[in-house]
Amino acid sequence: MNKTISIGIIGGTGSMGRWFKDFFSAGGHRVLISGRTTDITYTDVAKECDVVILSVPLNAAISISKDIGSLLRYEQLLMDMCSLKEEIVKSMIGSTKAEVLGTHPLFGPFTDSIKGQNIILCPGRGERWLKWIENEYTSRGAVVYEMEPLTHDRHMAVVQGLTHFITICMARTLQKMNMDSDTVLSCSTPVFKINYNLIGRLFAQDLDLYKSLISKNKHFKEILEVFVSVMDESKFALLSDQDDNTTLFMENIREFFKDSCKDSLKESNKIINALYS
């Protein structure tokens, strides 16, 4: 395969689109971007580029994949960067004869380097471009995993959906208690300060994105039901004044995480120390 590839990013004027424009350009490739403010349209990108990337919200990605699918040739690649994979991969496969690949970079546009970052690849059709993109990522230090779209989305219901749901609920709790930043930070621990910063991080960004990561994942309701039942279980175990039962409850959880506890302690210490360095 020729080293210099023409890559078109639909949604290339957005934050992630710009990030990957710089990434692929630094790799020596020719990159075209299409967005709401560009003269280049997404049909231009589909006709001119070897690789066509959808870097837009899920609903837009599905719609555009149907619009441009018939324009793509067998030897091209159509890939996306959406946070959910089942619907978009199915849409891309059904709309085109080109090779198809679902991808999910598990980092945001404020990341300095791809080194050490996780990227999920969900193969749709073909292997030629799959091997190429995997090499593009791993050769620059990314950690790449292949995964079925269904498996990916179930994982994201926890990794993204539940995580952001808890952050939103924490923020709402502080709001209802009228705990302003000066008050709450004056008596915060390092761990609480990290959590407080994560609240600010979420609400400083695109709220529609976080809303969709929760509401658009069809597996989240199942995860939430488990979480609510765990809250009830934990409430009983931790507030029942039965010390032996509480200890058994906590030890049972620790047993599940025993292989990673020490590593997690070291990693979290690095984060805490970085707050004050």
C-alpha atoms as a PDB file:
ATOM      1  CA  MET A   1       0.000   0.000   0.000  1.00  0.00           C
ATOM      2  CA  ASN A   2       1.263   3.449  -0.947  1.00  0.00           C
ATOM      3  CA  LYS A   3       2.483   5.204   2.198  1.00  0.00           C
ATOM      4  CA  THR A   4       0.859   8.540   1.350  1.00  0.00           C
ATOM      5  CA  ILE A   5      -2.901   8.164   1.617  1.00  0.00           C
ATOM      6  CA  SER A   6      -5.572  10.751   0.881  1.00  0.00           C
ATOM      7  CA  ILE A   7      -7.853  11.049   3.896  1.00  0.00           C
ATOM      8  CA  GLY A   8     -11.094  12.981   4.055  1.00  0.00           C
ATOM      9  CA  ILE A   9     -12.583  13.893   7.433  1.00  0.00           C
ATOM     10  CA  ILE A  10     -16.272  14.768   7.374  1.00  0.00           C
ATOM     11  CA  GLY A  11     -16.727  16.919  10.437  1.00  0.00           C
ATOM     12  CA  GLY A  12     -13.100  17.920  10.195  1.00  0.00           C
ATOM     13  CA  THR A  13     -13.775  21.392  11.576  1.00  0.00           C
ATOM     14  CA  GLY A  14     -14.908  19.940  14.909  1.00  0.00           C
ATOM     15  CA  SER A  15     -12.532  19.422  17.811  1.00  0.00           C
ATOM     16  CA  MET A  16     -11.853  15.708  17.218  1.00  0.00           C
ATOM     17  CA  GLY A  17     -11.794  16.220  13.473  1.00  0.00           C
ATOM     18  CA  ARG A  18      -9.086  18.864  13.833  1.00  0.00           C
ATOM     19  CA  TRP A  19      -7.136  16.613  16.209  1.00  0.00           C
ATOM     20  CA  PHE A  20      -7.057  13.765  13.690  1.00  0.00           C
ATOM     21  CA  LYS A  21      -6.346  16.121  10.795  1.00  0.00           C
ATOM     22  CA  ASP A  22      -3.139  17.072  12.600  1.00  0.00           C
ATOM     23  CA  PHE A  23      -2.435  13.433  13.480  1.00  0.00           C
ATOM     24  CA  PHE A  24      -2.735  12.099   9.930  1.00  0.00           C
ATOM     25  CA  SER A  25      -1.005  15.114   8.415  1.00  0.00           C
ATOM     26  CA  ALA A  26       1.940  14.539  10.748  1.00  0.00           C
ATOM     27  CA  GLY A  27       2.048  10.980   9.406  1.00  0.00           C
ATOM     28  CA  GLY A  28       2.680  12.309   5.919  1.00  0.00           C
ATOM     29  CA  HIS A  29      -0.803  11.883   4.513  1.00  0.00           C
ATOM     30  CA  ARG A  30      -2.894  14.310   2.473  1.00  0.00           C
ATOM     31  CA  VAL A  31      -5.912  15.341   4.528  1.00  0.00           C
ATOM     32  CA  LEU A  32      -9.039  17.106   3.319  1.00  0.00           C
ATOM     33  CA  ILE A  33     -11.696  18.315   5.720  1.00  0.00           C
ATOM     34  CA  SER A  34     -15.373  18.922   5.183  1.00  0.00           C
ATOM     35  CA  GLY A  35     -17.584  20.829   7.570  1.00  0.00           C
ATOM     36  CA  ARG A  36     -20.393  23.319   7.739  1.00  0.00           C
ATOM     37  CA  THR A  37     -18.073  26.227   6.946  1.00  0.00           C
ATOM     38  CA  THR A  38     -15.879  24.622   4.255  1.00  0.00           C
ATOM     39  CA  ASP A  39     -16.177  24.846   0.485  1.00  0.00           C
ATOM     40  CA  ILE A  40     -15.341  21.135   0.300  1.00  0.00           C
ATOM     41  CA  THR A  41     -18.515  19.056   0.680  1.00  0.00           C
ATOM     42  CA  TYR A  42     -18.779  15.546   2.025  1.00  0.00           C
ATOM     43  CA  THR A  43     -19.569  14.318  -1.492  1.00  0.00           C
ATOM     44  CA  ASP A  44     -16.264  15.865  -2.650  1.00  0.00           C
ATOM     45  CA  VAL A  45     -14.485  13.961   0.104  1.00  0.00           C
ATOM     46  CA  ALA A  46     -16.219  10.699  -0.853  1.00  0.00           C
ATOM     47  CA  LYS A  47     -15.161  11.027  -4.473  1.00  0.00           C
ATOM     48  CA  GLU A  48     -11.567  12.184  -3.918  1.00  0.00           C
ATOM     49  CA  CYS A  49     -10.194  10.359  -0.862  1.00  0.00           C
ATOM     50  CA  ASP A  50      -8.923   6.840  -0.230  1.00  0.00           C
ATOM     51  CA  VAL A  51     -10.175   6.941   3.349  1.00  0.00           C
ATOM     52  CA  VAL A  52     -13.388   8.704   4.350  1.00  0.00           C
ATOM     53  CA  ILE A  53     -13.841   9.353   8.080  1.00  0.00           C
ATOM     54  CA  LEU A  54     -17.117  10.338   9.721  1.00  0.00           C
ATOM     55  CA  SER A  55     -16.261  12.560  12.692  1.00  0.00           C
ATOM     56  CA  VAL A  56     -19.767  13.791  13.464  1.00  0.00           C
ATOM     57  CA  PRO A  57     -22.511  12.921  15.991  1.00  0.00           C
ATOM     58  CA  LEU A  58     -24.109   9.490  15.623  1.00  0.00           C
ATOM     59  CA  ASN A  59     -27.355  10.534  13.934  1.00  0.00           C
ATOM     60  CA  ALA A  60     -25.476  12.700  11.434  1.00  0.00           C
ATOM     61  CA  ALA A  61     -22.982   9.891  10.769  1.00  0.00           C
ATOM     62  CA  ILE A  62     -25.787   7.453   9.965  1.00  0.00           C
ATOM     63  CA  SER A  63     -27.461   9.959   7.647  1.00  0.00           C
ATOM     64  CA  ILE A  64     -24.245  10.902   5.832  1.00  0.00           C
ATOM     65  CA  SER A  65     -23.180   7.268   5.438  1.00  0.00           C
ATOM     66  CA  LYS A  66     -26.422   6.640   3.546  1.00  0.00           C
ATOM     67  CA  ASP A  67     -25.919   9.763   1.410  1.00  0.00           C
ATOM     68  CA  ILE A  68     -22.356   8.993   0.318  1.00  0.00           C
ATOM     69  CA  GLY A  69     -22.312   5.196   0.418  1.00  0.00           C
ATOM     70  CA  SER A  70     -23.097   4.694  -3.259  1.00  0.00           C
ATOM     71  CA  LEU A  71     -20.327   7.146  -4.240  1.00  0.00           C
ATOM     72  CA  LEU A  72     -17.607   5.021  -2.670  1.00  0.00           C
ATOM     73  CA  ARG A  73     -15.628   2.393  -4.559  1.00  0.00           C
ATOM     74  CA  TYR A  74     -14.577  -1.093  -3.451  1.00  0.00           C
ATOM     75  CA  GLU A  75     -10.987   0.038  -2.876  1.00  0.00           C
ATOM     76  CA  GLN A  76     -11.929   2.865  -0.489  1.00  0.00           C
ATOM     77  CA  LEU A  77     -12.500   2.801   3.271  1.00  0.00           C
ATOM     78  CA  LEU A  78     -15.485   4.279   5.088  1.00  0.00           C
ATOM     79  CA  MET A  79     -14.889   4.588   8.826  1.00  0.00           C
ATOM     80  CA  ASP A  80     -16.405   6.478  11.718  1.00  0.00           C
ATOM     81  CA  MET A  81     -15.330   7.796  15.124  1.00  0.00           C
ATOM     82  CA  CYS A  82     -18.658   7.682  16.948  1.00  0.00           C
ATOM     83  CA  SER A  83     -18.861   6.694  20.604  1.00  0.00           C
ATOM     84  CA  LEU A  84     -21.452   3.977  19.854  1.00  0.00           C
ATOM     85  CA  LYS A  85     -20.878   1.358  17.201  1.00  0.00           C
ATOM     86  CA  GLU A  86     -23.829  -0.977  16.568  1.00  0.00           C
ATOM     87  CA  GLU A  87     -26.032   1.349  14.521  1.00  0.00           C
ATOM     88  CA  ILE A  88     -23.323   3.153  12.586  1.00  0.00           C
ATOM     89  CA  VAL A  89     -21.390   0.029  11.580  1.00  0.00           C
ATOM     90  CA  LYS A  90     -24.636  -1.575  10.394  1.00  0.00           C
ATOM     91  CA  SER A  91     -25.513   1.585   8.469  1.00  0.00           C
ATOM     92  CA  MET A  92     -22.109   1.819   6.792  1.00  0.00           C
ATOM     93  CA  ILE A  93     -22.138  -1.845   5.747  1.00  0.00           C
ATOM     94  CA  GLY A  94     -25.621  -1.478   4.311  1.00  0.00           C
ATOM     95  CA  SER A  95     -24.923   1.748   2.429  1.00  0.00           C
ATOM     96  CA  THR A  96     -21.687   1.000   0.571  1.00  0.00           C
ATOM     97  CA  LYS A  97     -19.542  -1.638  -1.101  1.00  0.00           C
ATOM     98  CA  ALA A  98     -16.350  -0.053   0.197  1.00  0.00           C
ATOM     99  CA  GLU A  99     -14.455  -1.492   3.134  1.00  0.00           C
ATOM    100  CA  VAL A 100     -16.028  -0.505   6.464  1.00  0.00           C
ATOM    101  CA  LEU A 101     -14.467   0.051   9.867  1.00  0.00           C
ATOM    102  CA  GLY A 102     -15.933   1.346  13.088  1.00  0.00           C
ATOM    103  CA  THR A 103     -13.447   3.078  15.386  1.00  0.00           C
ATOM    104  CA  HIS A 104     -13.679   4.706  18.796  1.00  0.00           C
ATOM    105  CA  PRO A 105     -10.736   6.748  20.078  1.00  0.00           C
ATOM    106  CA  LEU A 106     -11.121   6.610  23.853  1.00  0.00           C
ATOM    107  CA  PHE A 107      -9.753  10.084  24.474  1.00  0.00           C
ATOM    108  CA  GLY A 108     -10.731  13.683  23.868  1.00  0.00           C
ATOM    109  CA  PRO A 109      -9.406  16.577  21.806  1.00  0.00           C
ATOM    110  CA  PHE A 110      -7.347  17.973  24.688  1.00  0.00           C
ATOM    111  CA  THR A 111      -5.021  14.952  24.582  1.00  0.00           C
ATOM    112  CA  ASP A 112      -1.454  15.912  23.691  1.00  0.00           C
ATOM    113  CA  SER A 113      -0.394  12.603  22.169  1.00  0.00           C
ATOM    114  CA  ILE A 114      -1.900   9.332  21.007  1.00  0.00           C
ATOM    115  CA  LYS A 115       0.825   7.446  22.875  1.00  0.00           C
ATOM    116  CA  GLY A 116      -0.683   5.126  25.467  1.00  0.00           C
ATOM    117  CA  GLN A 117      -4.269   5.949  24.469  1.00  0.00           C
ATOM    118  CA  ASN A 118      -6.833   3.192  23.885  1.00  0.00           C
ATOM    119  CA  ILE A 119      -8.569   2.906  20.515  1.00  0.00           C
ATOM    120  CA  ILE A 120     -11.288   0.363  19.741  1.00  0.00           C
ATOM    121  CA  LEU A 121     -11.622  -1.030  16.213  1.00  0.00           C
ATOM    122  CA  CYS A 122     -14.866  -2.710  15.184  1.00  0.00           C
ATOM    123  CA  PRO A 123     -14.263  -4.438  11.818  1.00  0.00           C
ATOM    124  CA  GLY A 124     -17.162  -4.187   9.418  1.00  0.00           C
ATOM    125  CA  ARG A 125     -15.935  -5.302   5.998  1.00  0.00           C
ATOM    126  CA  GLY A 126     -12.465  -6.016   4.635  1.00  0.00           C
ATOM    127  CA  GLU A 127      -8.991  -6.416   6.126  1.00  0.00           C
ATOM    128  CA  ARG A 128      -6.715  -4.322   3.892  1.00  0.00           C
ATOM    129  CA  TRP A 129      -7.569  -0.969   5.496  1.00  0.00           C
ATOM    130  CA  LEU A 130      -8.030  -2.523   8.926  1.00  0.00           C
ATOM    131  CA  LYS A 131      -4.357  -3.479   8.990  1.00  0.00           C
ATOM    132  CA  TRP A 132      -3.366  -0.053   7.679  1.00  0.00           C
ATOM    133  CA  ILE A 133      -5.220   1.947  10.329  1.00  0.00           C
ATOM    134  CA  GLU A 134      -4.044  -0.382  13.073  1.00  0.00           C
ATOM    135  CA  ASN A 135      -0.459   0.254  12.005  1.00  0.00           C
ATOM    136  CA  GLU A 136      -1.066   4.024  11.833  1.00  0.00           C
ATOM    137  CA  TYR A 137      -2.169   3.983  15.453  1.00  0.00           C
ATOM    138  CA  THR A 138       0.162   1.420  17.007  1.00  0.00           C
ATOM    139  CA  SER A 139       3.275   2.769  15.269  1.00  0.00           C
ATOM    140  CA  ARG A 140       2.712   6.049  17.136  1.00  0.00           C
ATOM    141  CA  GLY A 141       2.131   4.372  20.493  1.00  0.00           C
ATOM    142  CA  ALA A 142      -1.634   3.833  20.707  1.00  0.00           C
ATOM    143  CA  VAL A 143      -3.069   0.687  22.278  1.00  0.00           C
ATOM    144  CA  VAL A 144      -5.520  -0.913  19.849  1.00  0.00           C
ATOM    145  CA  TYR A 145      -8.212  -3.504  20.595  1.00  0.00           C
ATOM    146  CA  GLU A 146     -10.548  -5.230  18.142  1.00  0.00           C
ATOM    147  CA  MET A 147     -14.100  -5.709  19.384  1.00  0.00           C
ATOM    148  CA  GLU A 148     -17.568  -6.561  18.105  1.00  0.00           C
ATOM    149  CA  PRO A 149     -19.922  -3.536  17.992  1.00  0.00           C
ATOM    150  CA  LEU A 150     -22.353  -5.124  20.475  1.00  0.00           C
ATOM    151  CA  THR A 151     -19.568  -5.853  22.961  1.00  0.00           C
ATOM    152  CA  HIS A 152     -18.236  -2.331  22.537  1.00  0.00           C
ATOM    153  CA  ASP A 153     -21.581  -0.676  23.226  1.00  0.00           C
ATOM    154  CA  ARG A 154     -22.242  -2.786  26.312  1.00  0.00           C
ATOM    155  CA  HIS A 155     -18.835  -1.784  27.680  1.00  0.00           C
ATOM    156  CA  MET A 156     -19.506   1.873  26.891  1.00  0.00           C
ATOM    157  CA  ALA A 157     -22.760   1.725  28.850  1.00  0.00           C
ATOM    158  CA  VAL A 158     -20.515   1.379  31.914  1.00  0.00           C
ATOM    159  CA  VAL A 159     -17.284   3.128  30.890  1.00  0.00           C
ATOM    160  CA  GLN A 160     -19.001   6.232  29.553  1.00  0.00           C
ATOM    161  CA  GLY A 161     -22.714   6.047  30.367  1.00  0.00           C
ATOM    162  CA  LEU A 162     -22.539   5.081  34.040  1.00  0.00           C
ATOM    163  CA  THR A 163     -19.432   7.167  34.694  1.00  0.00           C
ATOM    164  CA  HIS A 164     -21.006  10.345  33.347  1.00  0.00           C
ATOM    165  CA  PHE A 165     -24.345   9.550  34.997  1.00  0.00           C
ATOM    166  CA  ILE A 166     -22.650   9.355  38.402  1.00  0.00           C
ATOM    167  CA  THR A 167     -20.801  12.622  37.745  1.00  0.00           C
ATOM    168  CA  ILE A 168     -24.046  14.387  36.806  1.00  0.00           C
ATOM    169  CA  CYS A 169     -25.791  13.032  39.914  1.00  0.00           C
ATOM    170  CA  MET A 170     -22.891  14.158  42.095  1.00  0.00           C
ATOM    171  CA  ALA A 171     -23.119  17.641  40.591  1.00  0.00           C
ATOM    172  CA  ARG A 172     -26.871  17.773  41.122  1.00  0.00           C
ATOM    173  CA  THR A 173     -26.414  16.732  44.755  1.00  0.00           C
ATOM    174  CA  LEU A 174     -23.936  19.549  45.384  1.00  0.00           C
ATOM    175  CA  GLN A 175     -26.316  21.972  43.689  1.00  0.00           C
ATOM    176  CA  LYS A 176     -29.261  20.891  45.856  1.00  0.00           C
ATOM    177  CA  MET A 177     -27.099  21.239  48.970  1.00  0.00           C
ATOM    178  CA  ASN A 178     -26.031  24.708  47.741  1.00  0.00           C
ATOM    179  CA  MET A 179     -22.355  23.784  48.198  1.00  0.00           C
ATOM    180  CA  ASP A 180     -20.518  26.419  46.169  1.00  0.00           C
ATOM    181  CA  SER A 181     -16.949  25.852  45.022  1.00  0.00           C
ATOM    182  CA  ASP A 182     -15.273  28.005  47.673  1.00  0.00           C
ATOM    183  CA  THR A 183     -17.068  26.196  50.461  1.00  0.00           C
ATOM    184  CA  VAL A 184     -16.635  22.674  49.213  1.00  0.00           C
ATOM    185  CA  LEU A 185     -13.010  23.034  48.090  1.00  0.00           C
ATOM    186  CA  SER A 186     -11.955  24.557  51.390  1.00  0.00           C
ATOM    187  CA  CYS A 187     -12.430  21.175  53.033  1.00  0.00           C
ATOM    188  CA  SER A 188     -11.826  18.833  50.104  1.00  0.00           C
ATOM    189  CA  THR A 189      -9.531  15.827  50.112  1.00  0.00           C
ATOM    190  CA  PRO A 190      -7.318  15.163  47.073  1.00  0.00           C
ATOM    191  CA  VAL A 191      -9.725  12.470  45.865  1.00  0.00           C
ATOM    192  CA  PHE A 192     -12.724  14.769  46.208  1.00  0.00           C
ATOM    193  CA  LYS A 193     -10.851  17.519  44.377  1.00  0.00           C
ATOM    194  CA  ILE A 194     -10.298  15.150  41.449  1.00  0.00           C
ATOM    195  CA  ASN A 195     -13.995  14.280  41.410  1.00  0.00           C
ATOM    196  CA  TYR A 196     -14.942  17.952  41.639  1.00  0.00           C
ATOM    197  CA  ASN A 197     -12.690  18.755  38.701  1.00  0.00           C
ATOM    198  CA  LEU A 198     -14.321  15.955  36.717  1.00  0.00           C
ATOM    199  CA  ILE A 199     -17.691  17.598  37.352  1.00  0.00           C
ATOM    200  CA  GLY A 200     -16.340  20.891  36.027  1.00  0.00           C
ATOM    201  CA  ARG A 201     -14.751  19.119  33.076  1.00  0.00           C
ATOM    202  CA  LEU A 202     -18.067  17.578  32.038  1.00  0.00           C
ATOM    203  CA  PHE A 203     -20.086  20.775  32.331  1.00  0.00           C
ATOM    204  CA  ALA A 204     -17.408  22.818  30.544  1.00  0.00           C
ATOM    205  CA  GLN A 205     -17.882  20.764  27.390  1.00  0.00           C
ATOM    206  CA  ASP A 206     -20.643  19.778  24.959  1.00  0.00           C
ATOM    207  CA  LEU A 207     -23.652  18.780  27.087  1.00  0.00           C
ATOM    208  CA  ASP A 208     -25.398  17.183  24.117  1.00  0.00           C
ATOM    209  CA  LEU A 209     -22.470  14.786  23.764  1.00  0.00           C
ATOM    210  CA  TYR A 210     -22.734  13.594  27.359  1.00  0.00           C
ATOM    211  CA  LYS A 211     -26.520  13.376  27.096  1.00  0.00           C
ATOM    212  CA  SER A 212     -26.250  11.166  24.023  1.00  0.00           C
ATOM    213  CA  LEU A 213     -23.604   8.907  25.579  1.00  0.00           C
ATOM    214  CA  ILE A 214     -26.203   8.045  28.211  1.00  0.00           C
ATOM    215  CA  SER A 215     -29.545   8.248  26.401  1.00  0.00           C
ATOM    216  CA  LYS A 216     -28.495   6.790  23.028  1.00  0.00           C
ATOM    217  CA  ASN A 217     -26.881   3.666  24.452  1.00  0.00           C
ATOM    218  CA  LYS A 218     -29.657   1.069  24.474  1.00  0.00           C
ATOM    219  CA  HIS A 219     -27.748  -1.000  27.044  1.00  0.00           C
ATOM    220  CA  PHE A 220     -27.594   1.762  29.654  1.00  0.00           C
ATOM    221  CA  LYS A 221     -31.017   1.119  31.212  1.00  0.00           C
ATOM    222  CA  GLU A 222     -29.950  -2.426  32.034  1.00  0.00           C
ATOM    223  CA  ILE A 223     -26.735  -1.141  33.602  1.00  0.00           C
ATOM    224  CA  LEU A 224     -28.631   1.512  35.538  1.00  0.00           C
ATOM    225  CA  GLU A 225     -30.998  -1.095  36.979  1.00  0.00           C
ATOM    226  CA  VAL A 226     -27.998  -3.028  38.278  1.00  0.00           C
ATOM    227  CA  PHE A 227     -26.488   0.164  39.684  1.00  0.00           C
ATOM    228  CA  VAL A 228     -29.697   1.158  41.495  1.00  0.00           C
ATOM    229  CA  SER A 229     -29.950  -2.302  43.035  1.00  0.00           C
ATOM    230  CA  VAL A 230     -26.311  -2.034  44.128  1.00  0.00           C
ATOM    231  CA  MET A 231     -27.049   1.336  45.762  1.00  0.00           C
ATOM    232  CA  ASP A 232     -29.828  -0.257  47.799  1.00  0.00           C
ATOM    233  CA  GLU A 233     -27.569  -3.173  48.710  1.00  0.00           C
ATOM    234  CA  SER A 234     -24.732  -0.849  49.703  1.00  0.00           C
ATOM    235  CA  LYS A 235     -27.057   1.391  51.708  1.00  0.00           C
ATOM    236  CA  PHE A 236     -28.182  -1.587  53.759  1.00  0.00           C
ATOM    237  CA  ALA A 237     -24.660  -2.984  54.185  1.00  0.00           C
ATOM    238  CA  LEU A 238     -22.990   0.293  55.149  1.00  0.00           C
ATOM    239  CA  LEU A 239     -25.729   1.853  57.288  1.00  0.00           C
ATOM    240  CA  SER A 240     -27.135  -1.160  59.111  1.00  0.00           C
ATOM    241  CA  ASP A 241     -24.844  -0.874  62.156  1.00  0.00           C
ATOM    242  CA  GLN A 242     -23.881  -4.495  61.648  1.00  0.00           C
ATOM    243  CA  ASP A 243     -20.105  -4.231  61.504  1.00  0.00           C
ATOM    244  CA  ASP A 244     -19.477  -7.877  60.620  1.00  0.00           C
ATOM    245  CA  ASN A 245     -21.842  -7.749  57.654  1.00  0.00           C
ATOM    246  CA  THR A 246     -20.337  -4.466  56.494  1.00  0.00           C
ATOM    247  CA  THR A 247     -16.838  -5.903  56.616  1.00  0.00           C
ATOM    248  CA  LEU A 248     -17.882  -9.024  54.699  1.00  0.00           C
ATOM    249  CA  PHE A 249     -19.589  -6.836  52.101  1.00  0.00           C
ATOM    250  CA  MET A 250     -16.460  -4.739  51.563  1.00  0.00           C
ATOM    251  CA  GLU A 251     -14.100  -7.722  51.588  1.00  0.00           C
ATOM    252  CA  ASN A 252     -16.227  -9.501  49.019  1.00  0.00           C
ATOM    253  CA  ILE A 253     -15.841  -6.523  46.656  1.00  0.00           C
ATOM    254  CA  ARG A 254     -12.118  -6.248  47.345  1.00  0.00           C
ATOM    255  CA  GLU A 255     -11.673  -9.931  46.437  1.00  0.00           C
ATOM    256  CA  PHE A 256     -13.042  -9.197  42.960  1.00  0.00           C
ATOM    257  CA  PHE A 257     -10.501  -6.401  42.412  1.00  0.00           C
ATOM    258  CA  LYS A 258      -7.573  -7.971  44.261  1.00  0.00           C
ATOM    259  CA  ASP A 259      -5.371  -8.377  41.160  1.00  0.00           C
ATOM    260  CA  SER A 260      -5.543  -4.683  40.290  1.00  0.00           C
ATOM    261  CA  CYS A 261      -5.776  -2.959  43.677  1.00  0.00           C
ATOM    262  CA  LYS A 262      -2.064  -2.343  44.179  1.00  0.00           C
ATOM    263  CA  ASP A 263      -1.564  -1.046  40.634  1.00  0.00           C
ATOM    264  CA  SER A 264      -4.607   1.199  41.002  1.00  0.00           C
ATOM    265  CA  LEU A 265      -3.238   2.604  44.239  1.00  0.00           C
ATOM    266  CA  LYS A 266       0.049   3.462  42.533  1.00  0.00           C
ATOM    267  CA  GLU A 267      -1.663   5.058  39.532  1.00  0.00           C
ATOM    268  CA  SER A 268      -4.056   7.092  41.648  1.00  0.00           C
ATOM    269  CA  ASN A 269      -1.139   8.286  43.803  1.00  0.00           C
ATOM    270  CA  LYS A 270       0.499   9.627  40.635  1.00  0.00           C
ATOM    271  CA  ILE A 271      -2.654  11.585  39.839  1.00  0.00           C
ATOM    272  CA  ILE A 272      -2.950  12.954  43.365  1.00  0.00           C
ATOM    273  CA  ASN A 273       0.724  13.931  43.492  1.00  0.00           C
ATOM    274  CA  ALA A 274       0.378  15.676  40.131  1.00  0.00           C
ATOM    275  CA  LEU A 275      -2.294  17.944  41.624  1.00  0.00           C
ATOM    276  CA  TYR A 276       0.248  19.487  43.947  1.00  0.00           C
ATOM    277  CA  SER A 277       3.431  19.316  41.899  1.00  0.00           C
END
